[in-house]
Amino acid sequence: MSEIKIVYIDDQIDEILSKYVSQNYCAKAFIEGECRQNVEKVYDEIKFDGDRGYENLLQDEKVRSANVILIDNHLFEERTAGSGKFSGKQFKVILRKLMPFVEVLIITQDEQLKGDNIIHKFSGRHGENPELYYKGNLDVIVDSAIREVLEFESLAADLKQSTDVEKVLIEKILHSLQGDNSYDGLTKKDIDELIASFKELGSNCGY
């Protein structure tokens, strides 16, 4: 993989966040591992239209080609439940099912919301510099998400070359990672066991 696509989704684009990610964070290539191979970070954004529903969002080419998605927590409210459209909570589950490679990070103004995949928006209430704030509160979280994407890409590449794993299982895993619903028989245990076995082979420079 030579690039990572980062997509920010919000119904009201936060210009400070958008500017930082596009002009600061994505301006620097991602360099990881002993190979020191550069991975370009490509930024895009989507202004979400709630009237069009989550089905439309799932079909958006920017979403379908993304590796890391930054999405505002406000969009996960249950305001569309019962209307025939996906609710926000359903969107998170469906996105994980359809596009397992994608890492989803939550953007929020709620300081009480905590978690490894939570990024709190810059508020400016304490006189911070927005660039310094996001450098300390966004970079490390998005870097971690990129590492997860690269690890699964590396695993998929290893699987294609493997002669030690049953070919039928390899096909199931690769199709599942690509969002093929015909391989629902694949369990999380299957994937976890293979990830563990490949990790035992040591670090891989094939990013």
N, C-alpha and C. Protein backbone atom coordinates (compact mmCIF):
# COMPACT_ATOMS: atom_id res chain seq x y z
N MET A 1 0.85 -1.19 0.00
CA MET A 1 0.00 0.00 0.00
C MET A 1 0.88 1.24 0.00
N SER A 2 0.60 2.18 -0.90
CA SER A 2 1.40 3.39 -0.99
C SER A 2 0.70 4.60 -0.39
N GLU A 3 -0.58 4.47 -0.07
CA GLU A 3 -1.30 5.59 0.51
C GLU A 3 -2.40 5.12 1.46
N ILE A 4 -2.73 5.99 2.40
CA ILE A 4 -3.83 5.78 3.33
C ILE A 4 -4.84 6.90 3.09
N LYS A 5 -6.08 6.54 2.88
CA LYS A 5 -7.13 7.53 2.64
C LYS A 5 -7.89 7.81 3.94
N ILE A 6 -7.86 9.07 4.37
CA ILE A 6 -8.53 9.50 5.59
C ILE A 6 -9.72 10.37 5.21
N VAL A 7 -10.91 10.01 5.69
CA VAL A 7 -12.13 10.73 5.34
C VAL A 7 -12.80 11.24 6.61
N TYR A 8 -13.10 12.53 6.64
CA TYR A 8 -13.79 13.16 7.77
C TYR A 8 -15.26 13.39 7.39
N ILE A 9 -16.20 12.89 8.22
CA ILE A 9 -17.63 13.00 7.94
C ILE A 9 -18.30 13.79 9.06
N ASP A 10 -19.05 14.83 8.68
CA ASP A 10 -19.74 15.67 9.65
C ASP A 10 -20.90 16.36 8.93
N ASP A 11 -21.96 16.69 9.68
CA ASP A 11 -23.03 17.45 9.05
C ASP A 11 -22.72 18.94 9.06
N GLN A 12 -21.79 19.34 9.94
CA GLN A 12 -21.28 20.70 9.95
C GLN A 12 -19.75 20.60 10.06
N ILE A 13 -19.09 20.71 8.93
CA ILE A 13 -17.63 20.52 8.90
C ILE A 13 -16.94 21.49 9.86
N ASP A 14 -16.13 20.94 10.76
CA ASP A 14 -15.34 21.75 11.68
C ASP A 14 -14.11 22.23 10.92
N GLU A 15 -14.06 23.52 10.61
CA GLU A 15 -13.01 24.04 9.76
C GLU A 15 -11.63 23.94 10.41
N ILE A 16 -11.57 24.08 11.73
CA ILE A 16 -10.28 23.99 12.42
C ILE A 16 -9.74 22.56 12.32
N LEU A 17 -10.61 21.59 12.57
CA LEU A 17 -10.22 20.19 12.47
C LEU A 17 -9.84 19.83 11.04
N SER A 18 -10.68 20.25 10.09
CA SER A 18 -10.43 19.96 8.68
C SER A 18 -9.09 20.53 8.23
N LYS A 19 -8.82 21.76 8.62
CA LYS A 19 -7.56 22.41 8.23
C LYS A 19 -6.37 21.69 8.83
N TYR A 20 -6.48 21.29 10.11
CA TYR A 20 -5.34 20.62 10.75
C TYR A 20 -5.05 19.28 10.07
N VAL A 21 -6.09 18.48 9.88
CA VAL A 21 -5.86 17.14 9.30
C VAL A 21 -5.32 17.25 7.88
N SER A 22 -5.90 18.15 7.07
CA SER A 22 -5.49 18.24 5.67
C SER A 22 -4.13 18.92 5.49
N GLN A 23 -3.89 19.99 6.25
CA GLN A 23 -2.68 20.79 6.02
C GLN A 23 -1.51 20.44 6.95
N ASN A 24 -1.80 19.85 8.08
CA ASN A 24 -0.73 19.52 9.02
C ASN A 24 -0.49 18.01 9.09
N TYR A 25 -1.51 17.28 9.53
CA TYR A 25 -1.31 15.85 9.75
C TYR A 25 -1.01 15.11 8.44
N CYS A 26 -1.80 15.37 7.41
CA CYS A 26 -1.62 14.64 6.15
C CYS A 26 -0.47 15.16 5.30
N ALA A 27 0.10 16.28 5.72
CA ALA A 27 1.24 16.83 4.96
C ALA A 27 2.49 15.99 5.18
N LYS A 28 2.51 15.21 6.25
CA LYS A 28 3.67 14.37 6.57
C LYS A 28 3.36 12.91 6.24
N ALA A 29 4.23 12.25 5.54
CA ALA A 29 4.04 10.83 5.24
C ALA A 29 4.11 10.01 6.52
N PHE A 30 3.43 8.89 6.52
CA PHE A 30 3.47 7.97 7.66
C PHE A 30 4.66 7.03 7.46
N ILE A 31 5.55 7.00 8.44
CA ILE A 31 6.74 6.15 8.35
C ILE A 31 6.72 5.20 9.54
N GLU A 32 6.75 3.89 9.25
CA GLU A 32 6.60 2.90 10.32
C GLU A 32 7.49 1.70 10.07
N GLY A 33 8.01 1.12 11.13
CA GLY A 33 8.73 -0.14 11.03
C GLY A 33 10.17 0.00 10.58
N GLU A 34 10.85 -1.13 10.56
CA GLU A 34 12.27 -1.15 10.22
C GLU A 34 12.51 -0.77 8.77
N CYS A 35 11.52 -1.00 7.91
CA CYS A 35 11.69 -0.69 6.49
C CYS A 35 11.68 0.80 6.22
N ARG A 36 11.08 1.58 7.12
CA ARG A 36 11.02 3.03 6.98
C ARG A 36 10.39 3.43 5.66
N GLN A 37 9.41 2.65 5.22
CA GLN A 37 8.74 2.95 3.97
C GLN A 37 7.69 4.04 4.18
N ASN A 38 7.69 5.04 3.32
CA ASN A 38 6.72 6.13 3.42
C ASN A 38 5.36 5.72 2.89
N VAL A 39 4.32 6.09 3.63
CA VAL A 39 2.95 5.88 3.19
C VAL A 39 2.28 7.25 3.14
N GLU A 40 1.83 7.64 1.98
CA GLU A 40 1.21 8.95 1.81
C GLU A 40 -0.18 8.96 2.45
N LYS A 41 -0.51 10.05 3.14
CA LYS A 41 -1.83 10.21 3.75
C LYS A 41 -2.65 11.16 2.88
N VAL A 42 -3.79 10.68 2.39
CA VAL A 42 -4.65 11.46 1.49
C VAL A 42 -5.94 11.81 2.23
N TYR A 43 -6.28 13.10 2.26
CA TYR A 43 -7.44 13.57 3.03
C TYR A 43 -8.62 13.92 2.12
N ASP A 44 -9.84 13.60 2.63
CA ASP A 44 -11.06 14.03 1.96
C ASP A 44 -12.13 14.20 3.04
N GLU A 45 -13.25 14.82 2.70
CA GLU A 45 -14.31 15.01 3.67
C GLU A 45 -15.68 14.91 3.02
N ILE A 46 -16.68 14.62 3.85
CA ILE A 46 -18.06 14.50 3.38
C ILE A 46 -18.95 15.31 4.30
N LYS A 47 -19.72 16.23 3.73
CA LYS A 47 -20.72 16.95 4.51
C LYS A 47 -21.99 16.10 4.50
N PHE A 48 -22.33 15.55 5.65
CA PHE A 48 -23.43 14.58 5.74
C PHE A 48 -24.78 15.28 5.68
N ASP A 49 -25.65 14.75 4.84
CA ASP A 49 -27.02 15.24 4.71
C ASP A 49 -27.95 14.22 5.35
N GLY A 50 -28.46 14.55 6.56
CA GLY A 50 -29.30 13.60 7.29
C GLY A 50 -30.56 13.22 6.55
N ASP A 51 -31.07 14.09 5.68
CA ASP A 51 -32.30 13.79 4.95
C ASP A 51 -32.11 12.67 3.94
N ARG A 52 -30.86 12.43 3.53
CA ARG A 52 -30.60 11.39 2.53
C ARG A 52 -30.35 10.03 3.17
N GLY A 53 -30.17 10.02 4.50
CA GLY A 53 -30.04 8.76 5.22
C GLY A 53 -28.67 8.13 5.13
N TYR A 54 -28.46 7.11 5.96
CA TYR A 54 -27.18 6.44 6.04
C TYR A 54 -26.93 5.50 4.86
N GLU A 55 -28.02 5.06 4.20
CA GLU A 55 -27.83 4.21 3.04
C GLU A 55 -26.99 4.94 2.00
N ASN A 56 -27.29 6.22 1.79
CA ASN A 56 -26.55 7.02 0.82
C ASN A 56 -25.10 7.17 1.23
N LEU A 57 -24.87 7.33 2.53
CA LEU A 57 -23.51 7.47 3.02
C LEU A 57 -22.71 6.19 2.77
N LEU A 58 -23.34 5.05 2.97
CA LEU A 58 -22.66 3.78 2.76
C LEU A 58 -22.28 3.55 1.30
N GLN A 59 -23.03 4.18 0.40
CA GLN A 59 -22.75 4.01 -1.03
C GLN A 59 -21.76 5.06 -1.55
N ASP A 60 -21.42 6.03 -0.72
CA ASP A 60 -20.52 7.10 -1.16
C ASP A 60 -19.14 6.52 -1.47
N GLU A 61 -18.60 6.86 -2.63
CA GLU A 61 -17.31 6.32 -3.07
C GLU A 61 -16.19 6.71 -2.12
N LYS A 62 -16.28 7.90 -1.52
CA LYS A 62 -15.26 8.33 -0.58
C LYS A 62 -15.23 7.41 0.65
N VAL A 63 -16.42 7.02 1.12
CA VAL A 63 -16.51 6.10 2.26
C VAL A 63 -15.98 4.74 1.88
N ARG A 64 -16.39 4.25 0.72
CA ARG A 64 -16.04 2.90 0.31
C ARG A 64 -14.55 2.74 -0.01
N SER A 65 -13.87 3.85 -0.29
CA SER A 65 -12.44 3.76 -0.59
C SER A 65 -11.58 4.20 0.60
N ALA A 66 -12.21 4.56 1.72
CA ALA A 66 -11.48 5.07 2.88
C ALA A 66 -10.76 3.95 3.62
N ASN A 67 -9.66 4.31 4.27
CA ASN A 67 -8.97 3.41 5.19
C ASN A 67 -9.24 3.79 6.63
N VAL A 68 -9.28 5.11 6.89
CA VAL A 68 -9.58 5.63 8.23
C VAL A 68 -10.69 6.67 8.09
N ILE A 69 -11.74 6.52 8.90
CA ILE A 69 -12.86 7.46 8.88
C ILE A 69 -12.94 8.19 10.21
N LEU A 70 -12.97 9.53 10.16
CA LEU A 70 -13.22 10.36 11.32
C LEU A 70 -14.67 10.83 11.20
N ILE A 71 -15.51 10.45 12.16
CA ILE A 71 -16.94 10.76 12.03
C ILE A 71 -17.48 11.36 13.31
N ASP A 72 -18.26 12.42 13.15
CA ASP A 72 -18.77 13.14 14.31
C ASP A 72 -19.75 12.29 15.10
N ASN A 73 -19.60 12.31 16.43
CA ASN A 73 -20.45 11.51 17.29
C ASN A 73 -21.92 11.90 17.18
N HIS A 74 -22.19 13.13 16.85
CA HIS A 74 -23.55 13.63 16.68
C HIS A 74 -24.33 12.80 15.67
N LEU A 75 -23.63 12.25 14.67
CA LEU A 75 -24.31 11.47 13.64
C LEU A 75 -24.78 10.12 14.15
N PHE A 76 -24.31 9.73 15.33
CA PHE A 76 -24.69 8.43 15.86
C PHE A 76 -25.93 8.48 16.74
N GLU A 77 -26.66 9.60 16.72
CA GLU A 77 -27.89 9.69 17.48
C GLU A 77 -28.95 8.83 16.82
N GLU A 78 -29.96 8.45 17.61
CA GLU A 78 -31.01 7.58 17.10
C GLU A 78 -32.14 8.34 16.41
N ARG A 79 -31.84 9.49 15.83
CA ARG A 79 -32.89 10.33 15.29
C ARG A 79 -33.58 9.74 14.07
N THR A 80 -32.94 8.78 13.39
CA THR A 80 -33.57 8.19 12.21
C THR A 80 -34.18 6.82 12.50
N ALA A 81 -34.08 6.36 13.76
CA ALA A 81 -34.63 5.04 14.10
C ALA A 81 -36.13 5.03 13.86
N GLY A 82 -36.59 3.92 13.25
CA GLY A 82 -38.02 3.77 13.00
C GLY A 82 -38.49 4.46 11.74
N SER A 83 -37.59 5.10 11.01
CA SER A 83 -37.98 5.83 9.80
C SER A 83 -37.67 5.05 8.53
N GLY A 84 -37.15 3.83 8.70
CA GLY A 84 -36.75 3.05 7.54
C GLY A 84 -35.33 3.31 7.12
N LYS A 85 -34.63 4.20 7.81
CA LYS A 85 -33.24 4.49 7.53
C LYS A 85 -32.38 3.88 8.62
N PHE A 86 -31.08 3.73 8.35
CA PHE A 86 -30.17 3.22 9.37
C PHE A 86 -30.02 4.23 10.50
N SER A 87 -30.02 3.72 11.72
CA SER A 87 -29.66 4.58 12.83
C SER A 87 -28.14 4.70 12.89
N GLY A 88 -27.64 5.62 13.69
CA GLY A 88 -26.20 5.80 13.80
C GLY A 88 -25.49 4.57 14.33
N LYS A 89 -26.05 3.94 15.35
CA LYS A 89 -25.43 2.75 15.93
C LYS A 89 -25.39 1.62 14.90
N GLN A 90 -26.45 1.51 14.11
CA GLN A 90 -26.46 0.48 13.07
C GLN A 90 -25.40 0.78 12.01
N PHE A 91 -25.19 2.07 11.73
CA PHE A 91 -24.18 2.44 10.74
C PHE A 91 -22.81 1.93 11.13
N LYS A 92 -22.44 2.08 12.41
CA LYS A 92 -21.13 1.62 12.85
C LYS A 92 -20.97 0.12 12.63
N VAL A 93 -22.03 -0.65 12.97
CA VAL A 93 -21.97 -2.10 12.83
C VAL A 93 -21.92 -2.50 11.36
N ILE A 94 -22.76 -1.87 10.55
CA ILE A 94 -22.82 -2.20 9.12
C ILE A 94 -21.51 -1.85 8.43
N LEU A 95 -20.94 -0.71 8.78
CA LEU A 95 -19.66 -0.32 8.17
C LEU A 95 -18.57 -1.33 8.49
N ARG A 96 -18.54 -1.81 9.73
CA ARG A 96 -17.55 -2.82 10.12
C ARG A 96 -17.76 -4.11 9.35
N LYS A 97 -19.03 -4.46 9.11
CA LYS A 97 -19.33 -5.70 8.38
C LYS A 97 -18.98 -5.57 6.90
N LEU A 98 -19.35 -4.45 6.28
CA LEU A 98 -19.13 -4.28 4.86
C LEU A 98 -17.68 -4.00 4.51
N MET A 99 -17.01 -3.25 5.39
CA MET A 99 -15.63 -2.83 5.10
C MET A 99 -14.75 -3.06 6.32
N PRO A 100 -14.38 -4.31 6.60
CA PRO A 100 -13.63 -4.63 7.82
C PRO A 100 -12.26 -3.97 7.90
N PHE A 101 -11.69 -3.57 6.76
CA PHE A 101 -10.38 -2.92 6.78
C PHE A 101 -10.44 -1.51 7.35
N VAL A 102 -11.63 -0.90 7.34
CA VAL A 102 -11.75 0.51 7.70
C VAL A 102 -11.71 0.70 9.22
N GLU A 103 -10.89 1.64 9.67
CA GLU A 103 -10.85 2.01 11.08
C GLU A 103 -11.70 3.27 11.27
N VAL A 104 -12.65 3.21 12.21
CA VAL A 104 -13.57 4.32 12.45
C VAL A 104 -13.21 5.00 13.77
N LEU A 105 -12.94 6.31 13.70
CA LEU A 105 -12.62 7.11 14.88
C LEU A 105 -13.73 8.12 15.10
N ILE A 106 -14.11 8.33 16.36
CA ILE A 106 -15.22 9.20 16.71
C ILE A 106 -14.70 10.58 17.10
N ILE A 107 -15.27 11.62 16.47
CA ILE A 107 -14.97 13.01 16.81
C ILE A 107 -16.10 13.53 17.68
N THR A 108 -15.79 14.15 18.82
CA THR A 108 -16.85 14.58 19.73
C THR A 108 -16.48 15.85 20.48
N GLN A 109 -17.52 16.57 20.90
CA GLN A 109 -17.34 17.71 21.80
C GLN A 109 -17.65 17.31 23.24
N ASP A 110 -18.13 16.09 23.42
CA ASP A 110 -18.50 15.60 24.75
C ASP A 110 -17.25 15.15 25.50
N GLU A 111 -16.83 15.92 26.47
CA GLU A 111 -15.61 15.60 27.22
C GLU A 111 -15.77 14.37 28.10
N GLN A 112 -17.02 13.95 28.34
CA GLN A 112 -17.27 12.77 29.16
C GLN A 112 -17.10 11.48 28.37
N LEU A 113 -17.13 11.58 27.06
CA LEU A 113 -17.00 10.39 26.22
C LEU A 113 -15.53 9.99 26.14
N LYS A 114 -15.23 8.76 26.54
CA LYS A 114 -13.85 8.30 26.59
C LYS A 114 -13.68 7.02 25.76
N GLY A 115 -12.46 6.76 25.33
CA GLY A 115 -12.18 5.54 24.60
C GLY A 115 -10.95 5.69 23.72
N ASP A 116 -10.39 4.56 23.29
CA ASP A 116 -9.18 4.59 22.47
C ASP A 116 -9.42 5.17 21.09
N ASN A 117 -10.68 5.13 20.62
CA ASN A 117 -10.98 5.63 19.27
C ASN A 117 -11.73 6.95 19.31
N ILE A 118 -11.60 7.70 20.42
CA ILE A 118 -12.29 8.97 20.60
C ILE A 118 -11.31 10.14 20.46
N ILE A 119 -11.66 11.11 19.62
CA ILE A 119 -10.88 12.34 19.48
C ILE A 119 -11.79 13.50 19.86
N HIS A 120 -11.39 14.27 20.87
CA HIS A 120 -12.19 15.40 21.30
C HIS A 120 -11.86 16.64 20.47
N LYS A 121 -12.91 17.32 20.00
CA LYS A 121 -12.72 18.50 19.19
C LYS A 121 -12.06 19.62 19.99
N PHE A 122 -11.29 20.42 19.29
CA PHE A 122 -10.68 21.60 19.89
C PHE A 122 -11.77 22.59 20.26
N SER A 123 -11.74 23.08 21.51
CA SER A 123 -12.76 24.01 21.97
C SER A 123 -12.23 25.43 22.13
N GLY A 124 -10.93 25.55 22.42
CA GLY A 124 -10.35 26.86 22.61
C GLY A 124 -10.69 27.52 23.93
N ARG A 125 -11.38 26.77 24.79
CA ARG A 125 -11.83 27.36 26.06
C ARG A 125 -10.67 27.71 26.98
N HIS A 126 -9.58 27.00 26.84
CA HIS A 126 -8.46 27.21 27.75
C HIS A 126 -7.29 27.92 27.08
N GLY A 127 -7.56 28.54 25.94
CA GLY A 127 -6.54 29.32 25.26
C GLY A 127 -5.47 28.51 24.56
N GLU A 128 -5.76 27.22 24.25
CA GLU A 128 -4.76 26.40 23.57
C GLU A 128 -4.60 26.84 22.11
N ASN A 129 -3.45 26.49 21.56
CA ASN A 129 -3.22 26.64 20.14
C ASN A 129 -3.81 25.40 19.46
N PRO A 130 -4.68 25.58 18.44
CA PRO A 130 -5.33 24.41 17.83
C PRO A 130 -4.36 23.41 17.23
N GLU A 131 -3.27 23.89 16.62
CA GLU A 131 -2.30 22.97 16.03
C GLU A 131 -1.61 22.14 17.10
N LEU A 132 -1.22 22.78 18.19
CA LEU A 132 -0.58 22.04 19.28
C LEU A 132 -1.57 21.09 19.94
N TYR A 133 -2.83 21.53 20.06
CA TYR A 133 -3.85 20.68 20.68
C TYR A 133 -4.03 19.39 19.88
N TYR A 134 -4.25 19.52 18.57
CA TYR A 134 -4.49 18.33 17.77
C TYR A 134 -3.24 17.48 17.60
N LYS A 135 -2.08 18.12 17.59
CA LYS A 135 -0.84 17.34 17.52
C LYS A 135 -0.73 16.40 18.71
N GLY A 136 -1.18 16.87 19.89
CA GLY A 136 -1.11 16.04 21.09
C GLY A 136 -2.30 15.15 21.30
N ASN A 137 -3.44 15.44 20.65
CA ASN A 137 -4.67 14.70 20.93
C ASN A 137 -5.26 13.96 19.73
N LEU A 138 -4.71 14.20 18.55
CA LEU A 138 -5.23 13.52 17.35
C LEU A 138 -4.18 12.62 16.71
N ASP A 139 -2.96 13.12 16.58
CA ASP A 139 -1.93 12.40 15.81
C ASP A 139 -1.74 10.97 16.27
N VAL A 140 -1.59 10.76 17.56
CA VAL A 140 -1.29 9.43 18.08
C VAL A 140 -2.45 8.46 17.83
N ILE A 141 -3.69 8.95 17.88
CA ILE A 141 -4.86 8.09 17.68
C ILE A 141 -4.99 7.69 16.22
N VAL A 142 -4.80 8.65 15.32
CA VAL A 142 -4.90 8.33 13.89
C VAL A 142 -3.71 7.45 13.46
N ASP A 143 -2.53 7.73 14.02
CA ASP A 143 -1.37 6.88 13.73
C ASP A 143 -1.66 5.42 14.10
N SER A 144 -2.29 5.22 15.26
CA SER A 144 -2.62 3.87 15.71
C SER A 144 -3.60 3.21 14.76
N ALA A 145 -4.58 3.97 14.27
CA ALA A 145 -5.55 3.42 13.32
C ALA A 145 -4.87 3.02 12.02
N ILE A 146 -3.92 3.83 11.57
CA ILE A 146 -3.18 3.50 10.34
C ILE A 146 -2.38 2.22 10.53
N ARG A 147 -1.78 2.05 11.69
CA ARG A 147 -1.03 0.81 11.96
C ARG A 147 -1.94 -0.40 11.86
N GLU A 148 -3.17 -0.28 12.37
CA GLU A 148 -4.13 -1.39 12.28
C GLU A 148 -4.45 -1.72 10.83
N VAL A 149 -4.66 -0.70 10.01
CA VAL A 149 -4.94 -0.91 8.59
C VAL A 149 -3.77 -1.61 7.91
N LEU A 150 -2.56 -1.13 8.17
CA LEU A 150 -1.38 -1.71 7.55
C LEU A 150 -1.15 -3.15 8.00
N GLU A 151 -1.47 -3.43 9.26
CA GLU A 151 -1.30 -4.80 9.77
C GLU A 151 -2.22 -5.77 9.05
N PHE A 152 -3.47 -5.36 8.83
CA PHE A 152 -4.41 -6.24 8.13
C PHE A 152 -4.06 -6.37 6.66
N GLU A 153 -3.57 -5.29 6.05
CA GLU A 153 -3.12 -5.37 4.66
C GLU A 153 -1.94 -6.33 4.55
N SER A 154 -1.03 -6.26 5.51
CA SER A 154 0.13 -7.14 5.51
C SER A 154 -0.30 -8.59 5.71
N LEU A 155 -1.27 -8.79 6.58
CA LEU A 155 -1.80 -10.14 6.82
C LEU A 155 -2.40 -10.71 5.54
N ALA A 156 -3.19 -9.88 4.85
CA ALA A 156 -3.80 -10.34 3.60
C ALA A 156 -2.74 -10.73 2.58
N ALA A 157 -1.67 -9.93 2.49
CA ALA A 157 -0.58 -10.24 1.56
C ALA A 157 0.10 -11.55 1.94
N ASP A 158 0.32 -11.75 3.25
CA ASP A 158 0.93 -12.99 3.72
C ASP A 158 0.05 -14.20 3.41
N LEU A 159 -1.25 -14.02 3.59
CA LEU A 159 -2.19 -15.12 3.35
C LEU A 159 -2.13 -15.58 1.89
N LYS A 160 -2.04 -14.61 0.99
CA LYS A 160 -2.02 -14.96 -0.43
C LYS A 160 -0.80 -15.81 -0.79
N GLN A 161 0.30 -15.63 -0.05
CA GLN A 161 1.54 -16.34 -0.34
C GLN A 161 1.70 -17.62 0.49
N SER A 162 0.82 -17.81 1.48
CA SER A 162 1.01 -18.90 2.42
C SER A 162 0.75 -20.27 1.79
N THR A 163 1.61 -21.23 2.16
CA THR A 163 1.40 -22.62 1.74
C THR A 163 1.08 -23.50 2.94
N ASP A 164 1.01 -22.88 4.14
CA ASP A 164 0.82 -23.64 5.37
C ASP A 164 -0.62 -23.59 5.90
N VAL A 165 -1.45 -22.74 5.29
CA VAL A 165 -2.82 -22.58 5.76
C VAL A 165 -3.77 -23.13 4.70
N GLU A 166 -4.82 -23.79 5.14
CA GLU A 166 -5.80 -24.38 4.23
C GLU A 166 -6.33 -23.32 3.25
N LYS A 167 -6.30 -23.64 1.95
CA LYS A 167 -6.67 -22.67 0.93
C LYS A 167 -8.11 -22.20 1.06
N VAL A 168 -9.01 -23.09 1.45
CA VAL A 168 -10.42 -22.71 1.60
C VAL A 168 -10.57 -21.65 2.68
N LEU A 169 -9.82 -21.83 3.77
CA LEU A 169 -9.87 -20.85 4.87
C LEU A 169 -9.28 -19.52 4.42
N ILE A 170 -8.20 -19.57 3.64
CA ILE A 170 -7.60 -18.34 3.11
C ILE A 170 -8.62 -17.59 2.27
N GLU A 171 -9.33 -18.31 1.39
CA GLU A 171 -10.33 -17.67 0.54
C GLU A 171 -11.44 -17.04 1.37
N LYS A 172 -11.87 -17.74 2.41
CA LYS A 172 -12.92 -17.20 3.27
C LYS A 172 -12.46 -15.91 3.94
N ILE A 173 -11.24 -15.90 4.43
CA ILE A 173 -10.73 -14.73 5.14
C ILE A 173 -10.58 -13.55 4.19
N LEU A 174 -9.96 -13.78 3.04
CA LEU A 174 -9.74 -12.68 2.09
C LEU A 174 -11.06 -12.11 1.60
N HIS A 175 -12.03 -12.98 1.32
CA HIS A 175 -13.33 -12.48 0.87
C HIS A 175 -14.06 -11.74 1.99
N SER A 176 -13.91 -12.23 3.21
CA SER A 176 -14.55 -11.55 4.34
C SER A 176 -13.95 -10.17 4.55
N LEU A 177 -12.61 -10.08 4.47
CA LEU A 177 -11.95 -8.79 4.64
C LEU A 177 -12.33 -7.81 3.53
N GLN A 178 -12.73 -8.35 2.39
CA GLN A 178 -13.14 -7.50 1.27
C GLN A 178 -14.64 -7.22 1.28
N GLY A 179 -15.33 -7.70 2.34
CA GLY A 179 -16.74 -7.39 2.49
C GLY A 179 -17.68 -8.31 1.74
N ASP A 180 -17.23 -9.52 1.38
CA ASP A 180 -18.07 -10.46 0.65
C ASP A 180 -18.98 -11.19 1.64
N ASN A 181 -20.29 -10.94 1.59
CA ASN A 181 -21.24 -11.50 2.55
C ASN A 181 -21.46 -13.00 2.38
N SER A 182 -20.97 -13.57 1.29
CA SER A 182 -21.19 -15.00 1.07
C SER A 182 -20.30 -15.86 1.95
N TYR A 183 -19.41 -15.22 2.72
CA TYR A 183 -18.48 -15.96 3.58
C TYR A 183 -18.79 -15.70 5.05
N ASP A 184 -20.08 -15.69 5.40
CA ASP A 184 -20.47 -15.43 6.78
C ASP A 184 -20.08 -16.55 7.73
N GLY A 185 -19.68 -17.71 7.19
CA GLY A 185 -19.28 -18.81 8.06
C GLY A 185 -17.97 -18.56 8.77
N LEU A 186 -17.21 -17.58 8.33
CA LEU A 186 -15.94 -17.24 8.96
C LEU A 186 -16.18 -16.64 10.34
N THR A 187 -15.50 -17.16 11.34
CA THR A 187 -15.67 -16.66 12.70
C THR A 187 -14.52 -15.76 13.09
N LYS A 188 -14.75 -14.94 14.11
CA LYS A 188 -13.70 -14.08 14.65
C LYS A 188 -12.54 -14.93 15.15
N LYS A 189 -12.85 -16.10 15.70
CA LYS A 189 -11.82 -16.99 16.21
C LYS A 189 -10.88 -17.41 15.08
N ASP A 190 -11.43 -17.69 13.88
CA ASP A 190 -10.60 -18.05 12.74
C ASP A 190 -9.57 -16.97 12.45
N ILE A 191 -10.05 -15.72 12.39
CA ILE A 191 -9.16 -14.61 12.06
C ILE A 191 -8.16 -14.36 13.17
N ASP A 192 -8.62 -14.38 14.44
CA ASP A 192 -7.72 -14.13 15.56
C ASP A 192 -6.58 -15.14 15.60
N GLU A 193 -6.89 -16.42 15.34
CA GLU A 193 -5.86 -17.46 15.37
C GLU A 193 -4.81 -17.23 14.28
N LEU A 194 -5.27 -16.82 13.10
CA LEU A 194 -4.33 -16.59 12.02
C LEU A 194 -3.48 -15.35 12.26
N ILE A 195 -4.09 -14.30 12.81
CA ILE A 195 -3.31 -13.10 13.13
C ILE A 195 -2.22 -13.44 14.13
N ALA A 196 -2.57 -14.24 15.14
CA ALA A 196 -1.59 -14.63 16.15
C ALA A 196 -0.46 -15.44 15.53
N SER A 197 -0.80 -16.33 14.61
CA SER A 197 0.23 -17.18 14.00
C SER A 197 1.18 -16.37 13.13
N PHE A 198 0.65 -15.38 12.41
CA PHE A 198 1.51 -14.55 11.58
C PHE A 198 2.37 -13.61 12.40
N LYS A 199 1.85 -13.16 13.54
CA LYS A 199 2.65 -12.30 14.40
C LYS A 199 3.88 -13.04 14.92
N GLU A 200 3.74 -14.37 15.10
CA GLU A 200 4.85 -15.17 15.60
C GLU A 200 5.98 -15.24 14.59
N LEU A 201 5.67 -14.96 13.34
CA LEU A 201 6.72 -15.00 12.31
C LEU A 201 7.66 -13.80 12.40
N GLY A 202 7.29 -12.84 13.25
CA GLY A 202 8.15 -11.67 13.42
C GLY A 202 7.66 -10.50 12.58
N SER A 203 8.35 -9.39 12.65
CA SER A 203 7.96 -8.18 11.94
C SER A 203 8.08 -8.41 10.44
N ASN A 204 7.16 -7.75 9.70
CA ASN A 204 7.15 -7.91 8.25
C ASN A 204 7.37 -6.55 7.60
N CYS A 205 8.23 -6.47 6.59
CA CYS A 205 8.54 -5.20 5.94
C CYS A 205 7.74 -5.01 4.67
N GLY A 206 6.69 -5.77 4.46
CA GLY A 206 5.97 -5.69 3.21
C GLY A 206 4.82 -4.73 3.20
N TYR A 207 4.86 -3.62 3.97
CA TYR A 207 3.80 -2.64 3.92
C TYR A 207 3.71 -2.02 2.54
